[in-house]
Amino acid sequence: MSGKTTKQFFFEVQLNWLEGKRGILSAKDTPGTIHVATPLEFGGEGKPWTPEHLFLSSISSCFMIDSGNSSTCRQTSCVMDIDEII
């Protein structure tokens, strides 16, 4: 691996736990917050964003960024089958 350099990137988020299975996510370098909670399927309220939504959102946004041209990537959708993972 001669000639290659290693780069490290750090991204920090903060979770303020509200009560039960609900919280608010924030980051110092990003405006706004995201309300998060356990999904209805796992005993949560089922209203705010869930970790599953955020996971799939990160995959979708990486796909958008990697496509390099916004005109070729107008909309993308990811689906996670939890039964297949458990």
C-alpha atoms as a PDB file:
ATOM      1  CA  MET A   1       0.000   0.000   0.000  1.00  0.00           C
ATOM      2  CA  SER A   2       2.814   2.401  -0.701  1.00  0.00           C
ATOM      3  CA  GLY A   3       1.791   5.862  -1.847  1.00  0.00           C
ATOM      4  CA  LYS A   4      -1.554   5.763  -0.056  1.00  0.00           C
ATOM      5  CA  THR A   5      -2.360   7.948   2.906  1.00  0.00           C
ATOM      6  CA  THR A   6      -4.890   7.310   5.620  1.00  0.00           C
ATOM      7  CA  LYS A   7      -7.449  10.004   6.327  1.00  0.00           C
ATOM      8  CA  GLN A   8      -9.695  10.097   9.341  1.00  0.00           C
ATOM      9  CA  PHE A   9     -13.044  11.853   9.466  1.00  0.00           C
ATOM     10  CA  PHE A  10     -15.020  12.458  12.630  1.00  0.00           C
ATOM     11  CA  PHE A  11     -18.721  13.262  12.808  1.00  0.00           C
ATOM     12  CA  GLU A  12     -20.318  13.851  16.178  1.00  0.00           C
ATOM     13  CA  VAL A  13     -23.983  13.806  17.146  1.00  0.00           C
ATOM     14  CA  GLN A  14     -25.670  14.287  20.481  1.00  0.00           C
ATOM     15  CA  LEU A  15     -28.781  12.484  21.697  1.00  0.00           C
ATOM     16  CA  ASN A  16     -30.840  14.159  24.404  1.00  0.00           C
ATOM     17  CA  TRP A  17     -33.011  11.476  25.915  1.00  0.00           C
ATOM     18  CA  LEU A  18     -36.501  12.849  26.560  1.00  0.00           C
ATOM     19  CA  GLU A  19     -38.317   9.958  28.216  1.00  0.00           C
ATOM     20  CA  GLY A  20     -39.178   6.346  27.554  1.00  0.00           C
ATOM     21  CA  LYS A  21     -38.065   5.518  24.035  1.00  0.00           C
ATOM     22  CA  ARG A  22     -37.878   9.087  22.645  1.00  0.00           C
ATOM     23  CA  GLY A  23     -35.047  11.557  22.140  1.00  0.00           C
ATOM     24  CA  ILE A  24     -33.744  14.494  20.127  1.00  0.00           C
ATOM     25  CA  LEU A  25     -30.653  14.278  17.896  1.00  0.00           C
ATOM     26  CA  SER A  26     -28.477  17.297  17.176  1.00  0.00           C
ATOM     27  CA  ALA A  27     -25.001  18.106  15.893  1.00  0.00           C
ATOM     28  CA  LYS A  28     -22.786  21.122  16.587  1.00  0.00           C
ATOM     29  CA  ASP A  29     -22.029  21.660  12.901  1.00  0.00           C
ATOM     30  CA  THR A  30     -25.614  21.239  11.616  1.00  0.00           C
ATOM     31  CA  PRO A  31     -28.649  23.450  12.266  1.00  0.00           C
ATOM     32  CA  GLY A  32     -31.870  21.966  13.591  1.00  0.00           C
ATOM     33  CA  THR A  33     -32.742  18.784  15.432  1.00  0.00           C
ATOM     34  CA  ILE A  34     -34.354  15.440  14.648  1.00  0.00           C
ATOM     35  CA  HIS A  35     -36.873  13.836  16.978  1.00  0.00           C
ATOM     36  CA  VAL A  36     -36.296  10.085  17.158  1.00  0.00           C
ATOM     37  CA  ALA A  37     -38.085   7.187  18.814  1.00  0.00           C
ATOM     38  CA  THR A  38     -38.409   3.451  18.804  1.00  0.00           C
ATOM     39  CA  PRO A  39     -40.633   2.264  15.939  1.00  0.00           C
ATOM     40  CA  LEU A  40     -44.142   1.006  16.580  1.00  0.00           C
ATOM     41  CA  GLU A  41     -42.995  -2.496  15.588  1.00  0.00           C
ATOM     42  CA  PHE A  42     -40.644  -2.556  18.595  1.00  0.00           C
ATOM     43  CA  GLY A  43     -42.993  -1.064  21.170  1.00  0.00           C
ATOM     44  CA  GLY A  44     -42.515   2.628  20.419  1.00  0.00           C
ATOM     45  CA  GLU A  45     -44.976   5.364  19.504  1.00  0.00           C
ATOM     46  CA  GLY A  46     -44.361   5.100  15.786  1.00  0.00           C
ATOM     47  CA  LYS A  47     -44.512   8.851  15.121  1.00  0.00           C
ATOM     48  CA  PRO A  48     -41.011  10.427  14.923  1.00  0.00           C
ATOM     49  CA  TRP A  49     -38.068   9.255  12.852  1.00  0.00           C
ATOM     50  CA  THR A  50     -36.676   5.889  13.939  1.00  0.00           C
ATOM     51  CA  PRO A  51     -33.137   4.466  13.843  1.00  0.00           C
ATOM     52  CA  GLU A  52     -34.298   2.364  10.886  1.00  0.00           C
ATOM     53  CA  HIS A  53     -35.377   5.506   8.993  1.00  0.00           C
ATOM     54  CA  LEU A  54     -32.048   7.162   9.735  1.00  0.00           C
ATOM     55  CA  PHE A  55     -30.076   4.090   8.647  1.00  0.00           C
ATOM     56  CA  LEU A  56     -31.879   3.896   5.313  1.00  0.00           C
ATOM     57  CA  SER A  57     -31.612   7.676   4.903  1.00  0.00           C
ATOM     58  CA  SER A  58     -27.845   7.483   5.240  1.00  0.00           C
ATOM     59  CA  ILE A  59     -27.691   4.815   2.530  1.00  0.00           C
ATOM     60  CA  SER A  60     -29.967   6.831   0.229  1.00  0.00           C
ATOM     61  CA  SER A  61     -28.002  10.051   0.699  1.00  0.00           C
ATOM     62  CA  CYS A  62     -24.708   8.236   0.031  1.00  0.00           C
ATOM     63  CA  PHE A  63     -26.181   6.904  -3.204  1.00  0.00           C
ATOM     64  CA  MET A  64     -27.224  10.436  -4.165  1.00  0.00           C
ATOM     65  CA  ILE A  65     -23.767  11.845  -3.379  1.00  0.00           C
ATOM     66  CA  ASP A  66     -21.939   9.016  -5.180  1.00  0.00           C
ATOM     67  CA  SER A  67     -24.048   9.426  -8.323  1.00  0.00           C
ATOM     68  CA  GLY A  68     -22.251  12.743  -8.799  1.00  0.00           C
ATOM     69  CA  ASN A  69     -24.951  14.274 -10.988  1.00  0.00           C
ATOM     70  CA  SER A  70     -28.228  15.355  -9.411  1.00  0.00           C
ATOM     71  CA  SER A  71     -29.997  15.112 -12.777  1.00  0.00           C
ATOM     72  CA  THR A  72     -29.385  11.350 -12.851  1.00  0.00           C
ATOM     73  CA  CYS A  73     -30.582  10.778  -9.290  1.00  0.00           C
ATOM     74  CA  ARG A  74     -33.884  12.565  -8.777  1.00  0.00           C
ATOM     75  CA  GLN A  75     -35.382  10.130  -6.275  1.00  0.00           C
ATOM     76  CA  THR A  76     -34.242   6.962  -4.573  1.00  0.00           C
ATOM     77  CA  SER A  77     -35.944   4.597  -2.187  1.00  0.00           C
ATOM     78  CA  CYS A  78     -34.547   2.015   0.206  1.00  0.00           C
ATOM     79  CA  VAL A  79     -36.510  -0.696   1.964  1.00  0.00           C
ATOM     80  CA  MET A  80     -35.249  -2.770   4.872  1.00  0.00           C
ATOM     81  CA  ASP A  81     -36.943  -6.091   5.618  1.00  0.00           C
ATOM     82  CA  ILE A  82     -36.464  -6.493   9.364  1.00  0.00           C
ATOM     83  CA  ASP A  83     -37.598 -10.131   9.273  1.00  0.00           C
ATOM     84  CA  GLU A  84     -34.613 -10.931   7.087  1.00  0.00           C
ATOM     85  CA  ILE A  85     -32.184  -9.378   9.572  1.00  0.00           C
ATOM     86  CA  ILE A  86     -33.520 -10.808  12.820  1.00  0.00           C
END
